[in-house]
Amino acid sequence: MPTAEDVKARIEASIPGATAEVQSPDNVHFNARVVSEAFAGLSRIEQHRLVYAAFEGELGAAIHALQLKTETP
C-alpha cells in the first residue's frame, strides 16, 4: 500500500522539475498539489493526465482516489 511520500516521489520522478505536496488520511485516498513548468500551455485535463500517467494501472486499485490540483509556477 503506497504512502503519501511514495505518491509524492512517483509524481516528482515522472515529471522532471515538478514539486508535489501529497496528503492522505488512510493511504488509499490521496490529495495532491503539483506545481510544474511542464503544465504550461496544457489544459487542466492534460495536466491531470500527465500526473495520472505515473500511476498507470494503480488508480482504482492500490490508490483508490487521487484528487489533484495542478499549477504552473
N, C-alpha and C. Protein backbone atom coordinates (compact mmCIF):
# COMPACT_ATOMS: atom_id res chain seq x y z
N MET A 1 0.85 -1.17 0.00
CA MET A 1 0.00 0.00 0.00
C MET A 1 0.90 1.24 0.00
N PRO A 2 0.71 2.15 -0.97
CA PRO A 2 1.57 3.33 -1.05
C PRO A 2 1.26 4.34 0.05
N THR A 3 2.27 5.09 0.42
CA THR A 3 2.11 6.19 1.38
C THR A 3 2.08 7.51 0.63
N ALA A 4 1.77 8.58 1.32
CA ALA A 4 1.79 9.91 0.71
C ALA A 4 3.19 10.23 0.18
N GLU A 5 4.22 9.82 0.90
CA GLU A 5 5.60 10.04 0.44
C GLU A 5 5.89 9.27 -0.83
N ASP A 6 5.36 8.04 -0.94
CA ASP A 6 5.54 7.24 -2.17
C ASP A 6 4.89 7.94 -3.36
N VAL A 7 3.68 8.42 -3.18
CA VAL A 7 2.96 9.11 -4.25
C VAL A 7 3.70 10.38 -4.65
N LYS A 8 4.17 11.14 -3.68
CA LYS A 8 4.95 12.36 -3.95
C LYS A 8 6.19 12.02 -4.78
N ALA A 9 6.92 11.00 -4.38
CA ALA A 9 8.15 10.62 -5.09
C ALA A 9 7.85 10.18 -6.52
N ARG A 10 6.77 9.44 -6.73
CA ARG A 10 6.40 8.99 -8.08
C ARG A 10 6.06 10.17 -8.97
N ILE A 11 5.30 11.13 -8.45
CA ILE A 11 4.92 12.30 -9.25
C ILE A 11 6.17 13.09 -9.62
N GLU A 12 7.01 13.36 -8.65
CA GLU A 12 8.20 14.17 -8.90
C GLU A 12 9.19 13.45 -9.82
N ALA A 13 9.23 12.13 -9.78
CA ALA A 13 10.12 11.37 -10.68
C ALA A 13 9.58 11.33 -12.10
N SER A 14 8.27 11.33 -12.25
CA SER A 14 7.68 11.20 -13.59
C SER A 14 7.58 12.53 -14.32
N ILE A 15 7.60 13.64 -13.58
CA ILE A 15 7.53 14.98 -14.20
C ILE A 15 8.75 15.75 -13.72
N PRO A 16 9.82 15.75 -14.51
CA PRO A 16 11.05 16.43 -14.09
C PRO A 16 10.79 17.90 -13.72
N GLY A 17 11.34 18.31 -12.59
CA GLY A 17 11.20 19.68 -12.12
C GLY A 17 9.93 19.95 -11.35
N ALA A 18 9.04 18.98 -11.26
CA ALA A 18 7.78 19.17 -10.53
C ALA A 18 8.01 19.10 -9.03
N THR A 19 7.18 19.82 -8.30
CA THR A 19 7.14 19.68 -6.85
C THR A 19 5.71 19.28 -6.48
N ALA A 20 5.62 18.36 -5.55
CA ALA A 20 4.31 17.86 -5.16
C ALA A 20 4.17 17.89 -3.65
N GLU A 21 2.97 18.23 -3.21
CA GLU A 21 2.58 18.13 -1.80
C GLU A 21 1.45 17.12 -1.78
N VAL A 22 1.62 16.05 -1.03
CA VAL A 22 0.63 14.98 -1.03
C VAL A 22 0.20 14.68 0.41
N GLN A 23 -1.10 14.52 0.59
CA GLN A 23 -1.65 14.15 1.89
C GLN A 23 -2.57 12.96 1.71
N SER A 24 -2.66 12.16 2.76
CA SER A 24 -3.56 11.02 2.74
C SER A 24 -3.95 10.67 4.17
N PRO A 25 -5.25 10.58 4.43
CA PRO A 25 -5.68 10.19 5.77
C PRO A 25 -5.58 8.68 6.00
N ASP A 26 -5.52 7.90 4.90
CA ASP A 26 -5.61 6.45 5.05
C ASP A 26 -4.75 5.64 4.08
N ASN A 27 -3.86 6.28 3.34
CA ASN A 27 -3.01 5.62 2.34
C ASN A 27 -3.80 4.89 1.25
N VAL A 28 -5.01 5.34 1.01
CA VAL A 28 -5.84 4.83 -0.09
C VAL A 28 -6.41 6.01 -0.88
N HIS A 29 -6.78 7.07 -0.16
CA HIS A 29 -7.30 8.29 -0.76
C HIS A 29 -6.23 9.37 -0.62
N PHE A 30 -5.88 10.01 -1.74
CA PHE A 30 -4.78 10.98 -1.73
C PHE A 30 -5.23 12.31 -2.31
N ASN A 31 -4.68 13.38 -1.76
CA ASN A 31 -4.86 14.74 -2.29
C ASN A 31 -3.47 15.24 -2.64
N ALA A 32 -3.32 15.75 -3.85
CA ALA A 32 -2.00 16.23 -4.29
C ALA A 32 -2.10 17.60 -4.94
N ARG A 33 -1.14 18.44 -4.60
CA ARG A 33 -0.96 19.73 -5.27
C ARG A 33 0.37 19.62 -5.99
N VAL A 34 0.33 19.77 -7.31
CA VAL A 34 1.53 19.59 -8.13
C VAL A 34 1.80 20.88 -8.90
N VAL A 35 3.04 21.37 -8.79
CA VAL A 35 3.46 22.57 -9.49
C VAL A 35 4.57 22.19 -10.45
N SER A 36 4.39 22.55 -11.74
CA SER A 36 5.40 22.20 -12.73
C SER A 36 5.34 23.13 -13.94
N GLU A 37 6.50 23.46 -14.48
CA GLU A 37 6.60 24.20 -15.74
C GLU A 37 6.03 23.37 -16.88
N ALA A 38 6.05 22.04 -16.74
CA ALA A 38 5.56 21.14 -17.79
C ALA A 38 4.07 21.35 -18.07
N PHE A 39 3.36 21.98 -17.15
CA PHE A 39 1.93 22.22 -17.34
C PHE A 39 1.62 23.44 -18.20
N ALA A 40 2.64 24.26 -18.47
CA ALA A 40 2.43 25.48 -19.25
C ALA A 40 1.84 25.14 -20.61
N GLY A 41 0.76 25.82 -20.96
CA GLY A 41 0.12 25.62 -22.25
C GLY A 41 -0.80 24.42 -22.35
N LEU A 42 -0.89 23.63 -21.28
CA LEU A 42 -1.76 22.46 -21.28
C LEU A 42 -3.10 22.79 -20.63
N SER A 43 -4.14 22.13 -21.09
CA SER A 43 -5.44 22.28 -20.42
C SER A 43 -5.38 21.58 -19.07
N ARG A 44 -6.33 21.86 -18.22
CA ARG A 44 -6.38 21.22 -16.89
C ARG A 44 -6.46 19.69 -17.05
N ILE A 45 -7.23 19.23 -18.01
CA ILE A 45 -7.35 17.78 -18.25
C ILE A 45 -6.02 17.20 -18.67
N GLU A 46 -5.30 17.88 -19.55
CA GLU A 46 -3.99 17.39 -19.99
C GLU A 46 -2.99 17.37 -18.84
N GLN A 47 -3.07 18.38 -17.98
CA GLN A 47 -2.19 18.42 -16.81
C GLN A 47 -2.46 17.22 -15.91
N HIS A 48 -3.72 16.93 -15.65
CA HIS A 48 -4.07 15.81 -14.79
C HIS A 48 -3.66 14.49 -15.42
N ARG A 49 -3.84 14.35 -16.71
CA ARG A 49 -3.44 13.12 -17.40
C ARG A 49 -1.93 12.90 -17.27
N LEU A 50 -1.17 13.98 -17.32
CA LEU A 50 0.28 13.88 -17.17
C LEU A 50 0.63 13.30 -15.81
N VAL A 51 -0.06 13.73 -14.77
CA VAL A 51 0.19 13.20 -13.43
C VAL A 51 -0.32 11.76 -13.33
N TYR A 52 -1.53 11.50 -13.80
CA TYR A 52 -2.11 10.16 -13.71
C TYR A 52 -1.26 9.11 -14.44
N ALA A 53 -0.52 9.52 -15.47
CA ALA A 53 0.31 8.58 -16.22
C ALA A 53 1.35 7.90 -15.33
N ALA A 54 1.73 8.54 -14.24
CA ALA A 54 2.71 7.95 -13.32
C ALA A 54 2.14 6.77 -12.55
N PHE A 55 0.81 6.61 -12.58
CA PHE A 55 0.15 5.59 -11.77
C PHE A 55 -0.67 4.62 -12.62
N GLU A 56 -0.28 4.44 -13.86
CA GLU A 56 -1.00 3.57 -14.78
C GLU A 56 -1.27 2.20 -14.14
N GLY A 57 -2.52 1.82 -14.11
CA GLY A 57 -2.91 0.52 -13.57
C GLY A 57 -3.11 0.49 -12.06
N GLU A 58 -2.71 1.54 -11.36
CA GLU A 58 -2.84 1.55 -9.90
C GLU A 58 -4.04 2.35 -9.42
N LEU A 59 -4.49 3.31 -10.23
CA LEU A 59 -5.65 4.11 -9.83
C LEU A 59 -6.89 3.23 -9.83
N GLY A 60 -7.63 3.28 -8.76
CA GLY A 60 -8.80 2.43 -8.60
C GLY A 60 -8.45 1.10 -7.94
N ALA A 61 -7.18 0.85 -7.73
CA ALA A 61 -6.74 -0.38 -7.06
C ALA A 61 -6.01 0.02 -5.77
N ALA A 62 -4.68 -0.05 -5.77
CA ALA A 62 -3.90 0.31 -4.58
C ALA A 62 -4.13 1.77 -4.19
N ILE A 63 -4.32 2.60 -5.21
CA ILE A 63 -4.66 4.01 -4.98
C ILE A 63 -6.11 4.16 -5.38
N HIS A 64 -6.98 4.21 -4.40
CA HIS A 64 -8.42 4.26 -4.69
C HIS A 64 -8.82 5.59 -5.32
N ALA A 65 -8.25 6.69 -4.83
CA ALA A 65 -8.59 8.01 -5.36
C ALA A 65 -7.41 8.94 -5.25
N LEU A 66 -7.24 9.77 -6.29
CA LEU A 66 -6.18 10.76 -6.31
C LEU A 66 -6.78 12.08 -6.77
N GLN A 67 -7.01 12.98 -5.83
CA GLN A 67 -7.55 14.30 -6.14
C GLN A 67 -6.39 15.23 -6.42
N LEU A 68 -6.44 15.94 -7.56
CA LEU A 68 -5.34 16.77 -7.99
C LEU A 68 -5.68 18.24 -8.06
N LYS A 69 -4.67 19.04 -7.75
CA LYS A 69 -4.68 20.47 -8.03
C LYS A 69 -3.35 20.71 -8.73
N THR A 70 -3.40 21.13 -9.98
CA THR A 70 -2.17 21.35 -10.74
C THR A 70 -2.01 22.83 -11.05
N GLU A 71 -0.75 23.29 -11.02
CA GLU A 71 -0.44 24.69 -11.23
C GLU A 71 0.90 24.85 -11.94
N THR A 72 1.06 25.96 -12.63
CA THR A 72 2.38 26.33 -13.13
C THR A 72 2.99 27.33 -12.14
N PRO A 73 4.32 27.36 -12.04
CA PRO A 73 4.95 28.29 -11.10
C PRO A 73 4.69 29.74 -11.44
